[in-house]
Amino acid sequence: MSEFVTVGPADDIDEGGVMAYEAEGRQVAVARADGALYAFSDICTHRNCTLSTGELDGTEIECECHGSVFDIATGVVVNGPATDPIETFDVREEDGNVQVNL
């Protein structure tokens, strides 16, 4: 049975912003796009670079290392060189905190 884990305050993530967290030994990023929260692996599947430092455009994030683009809602690779999707997680805002289901 999986459970939601609190990763930080919801007001730390502005519209169009991304925050990186470590939760249960995993690198997780949470973004706010179009008023919704999205949680996804903070590690690019191409060369293990950090995605949270990349550029977010709507629900697409570009890895700053080699330019791979991922859809943070689905994890799908939009543009390579990455070929494997990133993992996505259920996320919610509860009592002013961001919670991720890992």
PDB file of N, CA and C in Angstrom:
ATOM      1  N   MET A   1       0.834  -1.180   0.000  1.00  0.00           N
ATOM      2  CA  MET A   1       0.000   0.000   0.000  1.00  0.00           C
ATOM      3  C   MET A   1       0.879   1.243   0.000  1.00  0.00           C
ATOM      4  N   SER A   2       0.662   2.120  -0.941  1.00  0.00           N
ATOM      5  CA  SER A   2       1.469   3.333  -1.021  1.00  0.00           C
ATOM      6  C   SER A   2       0.807   4.451  -0.234  1.00  0.00           C
ATOM      7  N   GLU A   3       1.658   5.381   0.218  1.00  0.00           N
ATOM      8  CA  GLU A   3       1.167   6.499   0.994  1.00  0.00           C
ATOM      9  C   GLU A   3       1.769   7.795   0.481  1.00  0.00           C
ATOM     10  N   PHE A   4       1.052   8.881   0.688  1.00  0.00           N
ATOM     11  CA  PHE A   4       1.566  10.189   0.337  1.00  0.00           C
ATOM     12  C   PHE A   4       2.574  10.639   1.387  1.00  0.00           C
ATOM     13  N   VAL A   5       3.652  11.276   0.913  1.00  0.00           N
ATOM     14  CA  VAL A   5       4.716  11.777   1.765  1.00  0.00           C
ATOM     15  C   VAL A   5       4.785  13.289   1.579  1.00  0.00           C
ATOM     16  N   THR A   6       4.810  14.031   2.682  1.00  0.00           N
ATOM     17  CA  THR A   6       4.957  15.481   2.607  1.00  0.00           C
ATOM     18  C   THR A   6       6.390  15.822   2.233  1.00  0.00           C
ATOM     19  N   VAL A   7       6.533  16.675   1.188  1.00  0.00           N
ATOM     20  CA  VAL A   7       7.869  17.057   0.733  1.00  0.00           C
ATOM     21  C   VAL A   7       8.197  18.517   1.019  1.00  0.00           C
ATOM     22  N   GLY A   8       7.186  19.368   1.191  1.00  0.00           N
ATOM     23  CA  GLY A   8       7.447  20.773   1.481  1.00  0.00           C
ATOM     24  C   GLY A   8       6.201  21.619   1.403  1.00  0.00           C
ATOM     25  N   PRO A   9       6.350  22.907   1.739  1.00  0.00           N
ATOM     26  CA  PRO A   9       5.208  23.825   1.693  1.00  0.00           C
ATOM     27  C   PRO A   9       4.754  24.101   0.266  1.00  0.00           C
ATOM     28  N   ALA A  10       3.456  24.135   0.048  1.00  0.00           N
ATOM     29  CA  ALA A  10       2.897  24.361  -1.289  1.00  0.00           C
ATOM     30  C   ALA A  10       3.214  25.754  -1.805  1.00  0.00           C
ATOM     31  N   ASP A  11       3.309  26.738  -0.912  1.00  0.00           N
ATOM     32  CA  ASP A  11       3.565  28.098  -1.380  1.00  0.00           C
ATOM     33  C   ASP A  11       5.013  28.328  -1.809  1.00  0.00           C
ATOM     34  N   ASP A  12       5.867  27.327  -1.668  1.00  0.00           N
ATOM     35  CA  ASP A  12       7.241  27.410  -2.181  1.00  0.00           C
ATOM     36  C   ASP A  12       7.302  27.249  -3.696  1.00  0.00           C
ATOM     37  N   ILE A  13       6.214  26.736  -4.288  1.00  0.00           N
ATOM     38  CA  ILE A  13       6.211  26.466  -5.732  1.00  0.00           C
ATOM     39  C   ILE A  13       5.285  27.466  -6.423  1.00  0.00           C
ATOM     40  N   ASP A  14       5.893  28.447  -7.074  1.00  0.00           N
ATOM     41  CA  ASP A  14       5.134  29.452  -7.815  1.00  0.00           C
ATOM     42  C   ASP A  14       4.664  28.871  -9.143  1.00  0.00           C
ATOM     43  N   GLU A  15       3.687  29.514  -9.753  1.00  0.00           N
ATOM     44  CA  GLU A  15       3.236  29.134 -11.095  1.00  0.00           C
ATOM     45  C   GLU A  15       4.436  29.175 -12.043  1.00  0.00           C
ATOM     46  N   GLY A  16       4.644  28.082 -12.775  1.00  0.00           N
ATOM     47  CA  GLY A  16       5.775  27.987 -13.697  1.00  0.00           C
ATOM     48  C   GLY A  16       7.078  27.617 -13.017  1.00  0.00           C
ATOM     49  N   GLY A  17       7.010  27.307 -11.730  1.00  0.00           N
ATOM     50  CA  GLY A  17       8.216  26.976 -10.972  1.00  0.00           C
ATOM     51  C   GLY A  17       8.367  25.486 -10.724  1.00  0.00           C
ATOM     52  N   VAL A  18       9.602  25.099 -10.408  1.00  0.00           N
ATOM     53  CA  VAL A  18       9.928  23.708 -10.113  1.00  0.00           C
ATOM     54  C   VAL A  18      10.790  23.677  -8.851  1.00  0.00           C
ATOM     55  N   MET A  19      10.490  22.756  -7.956  1.00  0.00           N
ATOM     56  CA  MET A  19      11.300  22.559  -6.746  1.00  0.00           C
ATOM     57  C   MET A  19      11.767  21.115  -6.693  1.00  0.00           C
ATOM     58  N   ALA A  20      12.991  20.926  -6.216  1.00  0.00           N
ATOM     59  CA  ALA A  20      13.564  19.587  -6.063  1.00  0.00           C
ATOM     60  C   ALA A  20      13.474  19.175  -4.599  1.00  0.00           C
ATOM     61  N   TYR A  21      13.184  17.898  -4.387  1.00  0.00           N
ATOM     62  CA  TYR A  21      13.082  17.348  -3.041  1.00  0.00           C
ATOM     63  C   TYR A  21      13.730  15.963  -3.016  1.00  0.00           C
ATOM     64  N   GLU A  22      14.125  15.553  -1.823  1.00  0.00           N
ATOM     65  CA  GLU A  22      14.502  14.164  -1.614  1.00  0.00           C
ATOM     66  C   GLU A  22      13.456  13.574  -0.688  1.00  0.00           C
ATOM     67  N   ALA A  23      12.842  12.493  -1.117  1.00  0.00           N
ATOM     68  CA  ALA A  23      11.801  11.849  -0.334  1.00  0.00           C
ATOM     69  C   ALA A  23      12.018  10.348  -0.363  1.00  0.00           C
ATOM     70  N   GLU A  24      12.161   9.779   0.800  1.00  0.00           N
ATOM     71  CA  GLU A  24      12.370   8.333   0.920  1.00  0.00           C
ATOM     72  C   GLU A  24      13.517   7.859   0.033  1.00  0.00           C
ATOM     73  N   GLY A  25      14.597   8.653  -0.006  1.00  0.00           N
ATOM     74  CA  GLY A  25      15.787   8.279  -0.764  1.00  0.00           C
ATOM     75  C   GLY A  25      15.678   8.487  -2.266  1.00  0.00           C
ATOM     76  N   ARG A  26      14.623   9.139  -2.718  1.00  0.00           N
ATOM     77  CA  ARG A  26      14.422   9.375  -4.155  1.00  0.00           C
ATOM     78  C   ARG A  26      14.494  10.865  -4.455  1.00  0.00           C
ATOM     79  N   GLN A  27      15.024  11.195  -5.627  1.00  0.00           N
ATOM     80  CA  GLN A  27      15.076  12.573  -6.100  1.00  0.00           C
ATOM     81  C   GLN A  27      13.783  12.860  -6.854  1.00  0.00           C
ATOM     82  N   VAL A  28      12.973  13.765  -6.315  1.00  0.00           N
ATOM     83  CA  VAL A  28      11.663  14.074  -6.870  1.00  0.00           C
ATOM     84  C   VAL A  28      11.582  15.573  -7.154  1.00  0.00           C
ATOM     85  N   ALA A  29      10.974  15.929  -8.260  1.00  0.00           N
ATOM     86  CA  ALA A  29      10.714  17.327  -8.580  1.00  0.00           C
ATOM     87  C   ALA A  29       9.209  17.540  -8.591  1.00  0.00           C
ATOM     88  N   VAL A  30       8.791  18.725  -8.151  1.00  0.00           N
ATOM     89  CA  VAL A  30       7.387  19.101  -8.196  1.00  0.00           C
ATOM     90  C   VAL A  30       7.297  20.451  -8.896  1.00  0.00           C
ATOM     91  N   ALA A  31       6.401  20.533  -9.870  1.00  0.00           N
ATOM     92  CA  ALA A  31       6.216  21.759 -10.642  1.00  0.00           C
ATOM     93  C   ALA A  31       4.762  22.198 -10.556  1.00  0.00           C
ATOM     94  N   ARG A  32       4.569  23.508 -10.730  1.00  0.00           N
ATOM     95  CA  ARG A  32       3.217  24.050 -10.817  1.00  0.00           C
ATOM     96  C   ARG A  32       3.074  24.648 -12.217  1.00  0.00           C
ATOM     97  N   ALA A  33       2.161  24.078 -12.999  1.00  0.00           N
ATOM     98  CA  ALA A  33       1.936  24.537 -14.371  1.00  0.00           C
ATOM     99  C   ALA A  33       0.437  24.593 -14.631  1.00  0.00           C
ATOM    100  N   ASP A  34      -0.021  25.680 -15.190  1.00  0.00           N
ATOM    101  CA  ASP A  34      -1.441  25.874 -15.489  1.00  0.00           C
ATOM    102  C   ASP A  34      -2.301  25.656 -14.249  1.00  0.00           C
ATOM    103  N   GLY A  35      -1.773  26.051 -13.082  1.00  0.00           N
ATOM    104  CA  GLY A  35      -2.511  25.964 -11.836  1.00  0.00           C
ATOM    105  C   GLY A  35      -2.521  24.596 -11.178  1.00  0.00           C
ATOM    106  N   ALA A  36      -1.904  23.606 -11.797  1.00  0.00           N
ATOM    107  CA  ALA A  36      -1.893  22.244 -11.246  1.00  0.00           C
ATOM    108  C   ALA A  36      -0.485  21.861 -10.801  1.00  0.00           C
ATOM    109  N   LEU A  37      -0.412  20.935  -9.851  1.00  0.00           N
ATOM    110  CA  LEU A  37       0.873  20.397  -9.410  1.00  0.00           C
ATOM    111  C   LEU A  37       1.188  19.114 -10.161  1.00  0.00           C
ATOM    112  N   TYR A  38       2.471  18.924 -10.469  1.00  0.00           N
ATOM    113  CA  TYR A  38       2.951  17.717 -11.134  1.00  0.00           C
ATOM    114  C   TYR A  38       4.194  17.244 -10.393  1.00  0.00           C
ATOM    115  N   ALA A  39       4.290  15.951 -10.148  1.00  0.00           N
ATOM    116  CA  ALA A  39       5.463  15.378  -9.494  1.00  0.00           C
ATOM    117  C   ALA A  39       6.084  14.342 -10.427  1.00  0.00           C
ATOM    118  N   PHE A  40       7.416  14.367 -10.487  1.00  0.00           N
ATOM    119  CA  PHE A  40       8.121  13.487 -11.413  1.00  0.00           C
ATOM    120  C   PHE A  40       9.545  13.264 -10.930  1.00  0.00           C
ATOM    121  N   SER A  41      10.177  12.237 -11.463  1.00  0.00           N
ATOM    122  CA  SER A  41      11.573  11.970 -11.127  1.00  0.00           C
ATOM    123  C   SER A  41      12.418  13.168 -11.533  1.00  0.00           C
ATOM    124  N   ASP A  42      13.334  13.563 -10.651  1.00  0.00           N
ATOM    125  CA  ASP A  42      14.194  14.704 -10.934  1.00  0.00           C
ATOM    126  C   ASP A  42      15.440  14.296 -11.721  1.00  0.00           C
ATOM    127  N   ILE A  43      15.487  13.052 -12.153  1.00  0.00           N
ATOM    128  CA  ILE A  43      16.664  12.531 -12.845  1.00  0.00           C
ATOM    129  C   ILE A  43      16.322  12.218 -14.306  1.00  0.00           C
ATOM    130  N   CYS A  44      17.044  12.865 -15.221  1.00  0.00           N
ATOM    131  CA  CYS A  44      16.861  12.620 -16.651  1.00  0.00           C
ATOM    132  C   CYS A  44      17.289  11.191 -16.980  1.00  0.00           C
ATOM    133  N   THR A  45      16.513  10.522 -17.801  1.00  0.00           N
ATOM    134  CA  THR A  45      16.812   9.130 -18.158  1.00  0.00           C
ATOM    135  C   THR A  45      17.928   9.016 -19.193  1.00  0.00           C
ATOM    136  N   HIS A  46      18.380  10.130 -19.732  1.00  0.00           N
ATOM    137  CA  HIS A  46      19.451  10.085 -20.734  1.00  0.00           C
ATOM    138  C   HIS A  46      20.817   9.940 -20.075  1.00  0.00           C
ATOM    139  N   ARG A  47      21.179  10.883 -19.218  1.00  0.00           N
ATOM    140  CA  ARG A  47      22.503  10.857 -18.590  1.00  0.00           C
ATOM    141  C   ARG A  47      22.463  11.216 -17.113  1.00  0.00           C
ATOM    142  N   ASN A  48      21.311  11.027 -16.478  1.00  0.00           N
ATOM    143  CA  ASN A  48      21.154  11.228 -15.035  1.00  0.00           C
ATOM    144  C   ASN A  48      21.371  12.658 -14.572  1.00  0.00           C
ATOM    145  N   CYS A  49      21.125  13.631 -15.419  1.00  0.00           N
ATOM    146  CA  CYS A  49      21.199  15.037 -15.015  1.00  0.00           C
ATOM    147  C   CYS A  49      19.948  15.408 -14.227  1.00  0.00           C
ATOM    148  N   THR A  50      20.018  16.510 -13.514  1.00  0.00           N
ATOM    149  CA  THR A  50      18.903  17.001 -12.718  1.00  0.00           C
ATOM    150  C   THR A  50      17.928  17.769 -13.602  1.00  0.00           C
ATOM    151  N   LEU A  51      16.663  17.364 -13.592  1.00  0.00           N
ATOM    152  CA  LEU A  51      15.656  18.030 -14.423  1.00  0.00           C
ATOM    153  C   LEU A  51      15.137  19.329 -13.813  1.00  0.00           C
ATOM    154  N   SER A  52      15.102  19.426 -12.497  1.00  0.00           N
ATOM    155  CA  SER A  52      14.505  20.600 -11.853  1.00  0.00           C
ATOM    156  C   SER A  52      15.253  21.897 -12.166  1.00  0.00           C
ATOM    157  N   THR A  53      16.469  21.807 -12.655  1.00  0.00           N
ATOM    158  CA  THR A  53      17.226  23.005 -13.036  1.00  0.00           C
ATOM    159  C   THR A  53      17.014  23.368 -14.496  1.00  0.00           C
ATOM    160  N   GLY A  54      16.222  22.562 -15.198  1.00  0.00           N
ATOM    161  CA  GLY A  54      15.938  22.816 -16.605  1.00  0.00           C
ATOM    162  C   GLY A  54      14.835  23.835 -16.779  1.00  0.00           C
ATOM    163  N   GLU A  55      14.489  24.086 -18.037  1.00  0.00           N
ATOM    164  CA  GLU A  55      13.465  25.082 -18.362  1.00  0.00           C
ATOM    165  C   GLU A  55      12.095  24.421 -18.478  1.00  0.00           C
ATOM    166  N   LEU A  56      11.121  24.970 -17.741  1.00  0.00           N
ATOM    167  CA  LEU A  56       9.746  24.485 -17.777  1.00  0.00           C
ATOM    168  C   LEU A  56       8.934  25.378 -18.699  1.00  0.00           C
ATOM    169  N   ASP A  57       8.227  24.759 -19.641  1.00  0.00           N
ATOM    170  CA  ASP A  57       7.350  25.477 -20.561  1.00  0.00           C
ATOM    171  C   ASP A  57       6.016  24.740 -20.577  1.00  0.00           C
ATOM    172  N   GLY A  58       5.034  25.272 -19.862  1.00  0.00           N
ATOM    173  CA  GLY A  58       3.767  24.549 -19.713  1.00  0.00           C
ATOM    174  C   GLY A  58       4.028  23.276 -18.934  1.00  0.00           C
ATOM    175  N   THR A  59       3.670  22.135 -19.515  1.00  0.00           N
ATOM    176  CA  THR A  59       3.920  20.849 -18.849  1.00  0.00           C
ATOM    177  C   THR A  59       5.105  20.112 -19.457  1.00  0.00           C
ATOM    178  N   GLU A  60       5.976  20.836 -20.125  1.00  0.00           N
ATOM    179  CA  GLU A  60       7.188  20.224 -20.687  1.00  0.00           C
ATOM    180  C   GLU A  60       8.410  20.817 -20.019  1.00  0.00           C
ATOM    181  N   ILE A  61       9.345  19.932 -19.657  1.00  0.00           N
ATOM    182  CA  ILE A  61      10.591  20.384 -19.049  1.00  0.00           C
ATOM    183  C   ILE A  61      11.759  19.911 -19.902  1.00  0.00           C
ATOM    184  N   GLU A  62      12.712  20.829 -20.101  1.00  0.00           N
ATOM    185  CA  GLU A  62      13.887  20.510 -20.913  1.00  0.00           C
ATOM    186  C   GLU A  62      15.095  20.334 -20.002  1.00  0.00           C
ATOM    187  N   CYS A  63      15.774  19.216 -20.147  1.00  0.00           N
ATOM    188  CA  CYS A  63      16.990  18.950 -19.389  1.00  0.00           C
ATOM    189  C   CYS A  63      18.087  19.887 -19.890  1.00  0.00           C
ATOM    190  N   GLU A  64      18.738  20.574 -18.964  1.00  0.00           N
ATOM    191  CA  GLU A  64      19.752  21.538 -19.365  1.00  0.00           C
ATOM    192  C   GLU A  64      21.047  20.881 -19.839  1.00  0.00           C
ATOM    193  N   CYS A  65      21.221  19.604 -19.587  1.00  0.00           N
ATOM    194  CA  CYS A  65      22.471  18.937 -19.993  1.00  0.00           C
ATOM    195  C   CYS A  65      22.534  18.659 -21.495  1.00  0.00           C
ATOM    196  N   HIS A  66      21.514  17.992 -22.041  1.00  0.00           N
ATOM    197  CA  HIS A  66      21.576  17.580 -23.438  1.00  0.00           C
ATOM    198  C   HIS A  66      20.307  17.889 -24.219  1.00  0.00           C
ATOM    199  N   GLY A  67      19.356  18.609 -23.601  1.00  0.00           N
ATOM    200  CA  GLY A  67      18.193  19.082 -24.328  1.00  0.00           C
ATOM    201  C   GLY A  67      17.016  18.133 -24.438  1.00  0.00           C
ATOM    202  N   SER A  68      17.051  16.998 -23.744  1.00  0.00           N
ATOM    203  CA  SER A  68      15.876  16.124 -23.775  1.00  0.00           C
ATOM    204  C   SER A  68      14.691  16.856 -23.167  1.00  0.00           C
ATOM    205  N   VAL A  69      13.506  16.642 -23.745  1.00  0.00           N
ATOM    206  CA  VAL A  69      12.291  17.280 -23.263  1.00  0.00           C
ATOM    207  C   VAL A  69      11.301  16.192 -22.854  1.00  0.00           C
ATOM    208  N   PHE A  70      10.709  16.370 -21.668  1.00  0.00           N
ATOM    209  CA  PHE A  70       9.749  15.410 -21.133  1.00  0.00           C
ATOM    210  C   PHE A  70       8.439  16.115 -20.814  1.00  0.00           C
ATOM    211  N   ASP A  71       7.327  15.394 -20.974  1.00  0.00           N
ATOM    212  CA  ASP A  71       6.025  15.858 -20.530  1.00  0.00           C
ATOM    213  C   ASP A  71       5.899  15.465 -19.058  1.00  0.00           C
ATOM    214  N   ILE A  72       5.825  16.445 -18.167  1.00  0.00           N
ATOM    215  CA  ILE A  72       5.804  16.133 -16.738  1.00  0.00           C
ATOM    216  C   ILE A  72       4.474  15.546 -16.273  1.00  0.00           C
ATOM    217  N   ALA A  73       3.442  15.645 -17.092  1.00  0.00           N
ATOM    218  CA  ALA A  73       2.146  15.047 -16.744  1.00  0.00           C
ATOM    219  C   ALA A  73       2.139  13.545 -16.999  1.00  0.00           C
ATOM    220  N   THR A  74       2.851  13.119 -18.027  1.00  0.00           N
ATOM    221  CA  THR A  74       2.827  11.706 -18.423  1.00  0.00           C
ATOM    222  C   THR A  74       4.179  11.014 -18.310  1.00  0.00           C
ATOM    223  N   GLY A  75       5.274  11.793 -18.290  1.00  0.00           N
ATOM    224  CA  GLY A  75       6.616  11.244 -18.272  1.00  0.00           C
ATOM    225  C   GLY A  75       7.179  10.959 -19.646  1.00  0.00           C
ATOM    226  N   VAL A  76       6.361  11.075 -20.680  1.00  0.00           N
ATOM    227  CA  VAL A  76       6.743  10.733 -22.054  1.00  0.00           C
ATOM    228  C   VAL A  76       7.859  11.649 -22.563  1.00  0.00           C
ATOM    229  N   VAL A  77       8.775  11.071 -23.334  1.00  0.00           N
ATOM    230  CA  VAL A  77       9.818  11.847 -23.982  1.00  0.00           C
ATOM    231  C   VAL A  77       9.199  12.590 -25.161  1.00  0.00           C
ATOM    232  N   VAL A  78       9.311  13.910 -25.160  1.00  0.00           N
ATOM    233  CA  VAL A  78       8.791  14.741 -26.237  1.00  0.00           C
ATOM    234  C   VAL A  78       9.870  14.941 -27.293  1.00  0.00           C
ATOM    235  N   ASN A  79      11.113  15.063 -26.835  1.00  0.00           N
ATOM    236  CA  ASN A  79      12.244  15.280 -27.730  1.00  0.00           C
ATOM    237  C   ASN A  79      13.490  14.677 -27.100  1.00  0.00           C
ATOM    238  N   GLY A  80      14.254  13.889 -27.881  1.00  0.00           N
ATOM    239  CA  GLY A  80      15.464  13.232 -27.394  1.00  0.00           C
ATOM    240  C   GLY A  80      16.622  14.186 -27.249  1.00  0.00           C
ATOM    241  N   PRO A  81      17.732  13.642 -26.827  1.00  0.00           N
ATOM    242  CA  PRO A  81      18.220  12.295 -27.064  1.00  0.00           C
ATOM    243  C   PRO A  81      17.688  11.206 -26.126  1.00  0.00           C
ATOM    244  N   ALA A  82      17.041  11.546 -25.011  1.00  0.00           N
ATOM    245  CA  ALA A  82      16.491  10.507 -24.142  1.00  0.00           C
ATOM    246  C   ALA A  82      15.478   9.673 -24.919  1.00  0.00           C
ATOM    247  N   THR A  83      15.422   8.384 -24.598  1.00  0.00           N
ATOM    248  CA  THR A  83      14.439   7.497 -25.215  1.00  0.00           C
ATOM    249  C   THR A  83      13.489   6.893 -24.178  1.00  0.00           C
ATOM    250  N   ASP A  84      13.904   6.867 -22.919  1.00  0.00           N
ATOM    251  CA  ASP A  84      13.078   6.300 -21.855  1.00  0.00           C
ATOM    252  C   ASP A  84      12.325   7.410 -21.121  1.00  0.00           C
ATOM    253  N   PRO A  85      11.062   7.178 -20.790  1.00  0.00           N
ATOM    254  CA  PRO A  85      10.277   8.182 -20.073  1.00  0.00           C
ATOM    255  C   PRO A  85      10.779   8.354 -18.638  1.00  0.00           C
ATOM    256  N   ILE A  86      10.383   9.464 -18.024  1.00  0.00           N
ATOM    257  CA  ILE A  86      10.647   9.662 -16.604  1.00  0.00           C
ATOM    258  C   ILE A  86       9.444   9.151 -15.819  1.00  0.00           C
ATOM    259  N   GLU A  87       9.681   8.805 -14.579  1.00  0.00           N
ATOM    260  CA  GLU A  87       8.605   8.346 -13.716  1.00  0.00           C
ATOM    261  C   GLU A  87       7.814   9.552 -13.222  1.00  0.00           C
ATOM    262  N   THR A  88       6.501   9.428 -13.167  1.00  0.00           N
ATOM    263  CA  THR A  88       5.641  10.468 -12.617  1.00  0.00           C
ATOM    264  C   THR A  88       4.930   9.910 -11.387  1.00  0.00           C
ATOM    265  N   PHE A  89       4.485  10.817 -10.525  1.00  0.00           N
ATOM    266  CA  PHE A  89       3.872  10.426  -9.261  1.00  0.00           C
ATOM    267  C   PHE A  89       2.588  11.214  -9.035  1.00  0.00           C
ATOM    268  N   ASP A  90       1.655  10.611  -8.323  1.00  0.00           N
ATOM    269  CA  ASP A  90       0.475  11.348  -7.890  1.00  0.00           C
ATOM    270  C   ASP A  90       0.930  12.394  -6.888  1.00  0.00           C
ATOM    271  N   VAL A  91       0.324  13.569  -6.956  1.00  0.00           N
ATOM    272  CA  VAL A  91       0.700  14.667  -6.067  1.00  0.00           C
ATOM    273  C   VAL A  91      -0.565  15.400  -5.648  1.00  0.00           C
ATOM    274  N   ARG A  92      -0.531  15.949  -4.436  1.00  0.00           N
ATOM    275  CA  ARG A  92      -1.677  16.720  -3.947  1.00  0.00           C
ATOM    276  C   ARG A  92      -1.188  17.805  -3.002  1.00  0.00           C
ATOM    277  N   GLU A  93      -2.067  18.771  -2.797  1.00  0.00           N
ATOM    278  CA  GLU A  93      -1.823  19.815  -1.809  1.00  0.00           C
ATOM    279  C   GLU A  93      -2.750  19.547  -0.644  1.00  0.00           C
ATOM    280  N   GLU A  94      -2.182  19.398   0.538  1.00  0.00           N
ATOM    281  CA  GLU A  94      -2.952  19.044   1.727  1.00  0.00           C
ATOM    282  C   GLU A  94      -2.478  19.901   2.897  1.00  0.00           C
ATOM    283  N   ASP A  95      -3.388  20.670   3.480  1.00  0.00           N
ATOM    284  CA  ASP A  95      -3.066  21.528   4.631  1.00  0.00           C
ATOM    285  C   ASP A  95      -1.870  22.428   4.362  1.00  0.00           C
ATOM    286  N   GLY A  96      -1.778  22.976   3.147  1.00  0.00           N
ATOM    287  CA  GLY A  96      -0.702  23.895   2.807  1.00  0.00           C
ATOM    288  C   GLY A  96       0.617  23.243   2.454  1.00  0.00           C
ATOM    289  N   ASN A  97       0.622  21.914   2.368  1.00  0.00           N
ATOM    290  CA  ASN A  97       1.836  21.166   2.020  1.00  0.00           C
ATOM    291  C   ASN A  97       1.667  20.393   0.731  1.00  0.00           C
ATOM    292  N   VAL A  98       2.784  20.154   0.075  1.00  0.00           N
ATOM    293  CA  VAL A  98       2.796  19.295  -1.113  1.00  0.00           C
ATOM    294  C   VAL A  98       3.083  17.880  -0.642  1.00  0.00           C
ATOM    295  N   GLN A  99       2.268  16.956  -1.108  1.00  0.00           N
ATOM    296  CA  GLN A  99       2.436  15.540  -0.771  1.00  0.00           C
ATOM    297  C   GLN A  99       2.536  14.739  -2.063  1.00  0.00           C
ATOM    298  N   VAL A 100       3.494  13.812  -2.073  1.00  0.00           N
ATOM    299  CA  VAL A 100       3.759  12.987  -3.259  1.00  0.00           C
ATOM    300  C   VAL A 100       3.568  11.525  -2.871  1.00  0.00           C
ATOM    301  N   ASN A 101       2.921  10.783  -3.766  1.00  0.00           N
ATOM    302  CA  ASN A 101       2.720   9.343  -3.561  1.00  0.00           C
ATOM    303  C   ASN A 101       3.840   8.616  -4.302  1.00  0.00           C
ATOM    304  N   LEU A 102       4.824   8.144  -3.558  1.00  0.00           N
ATOM    305  CA  LEU A 102       5.960   7.451  -4.157  1.00  0.00           C
ATOM    306  C   LEU A 102       5.703   5.965  -4.242  1.00  0.00           C
TER     307      LEU A 102
END
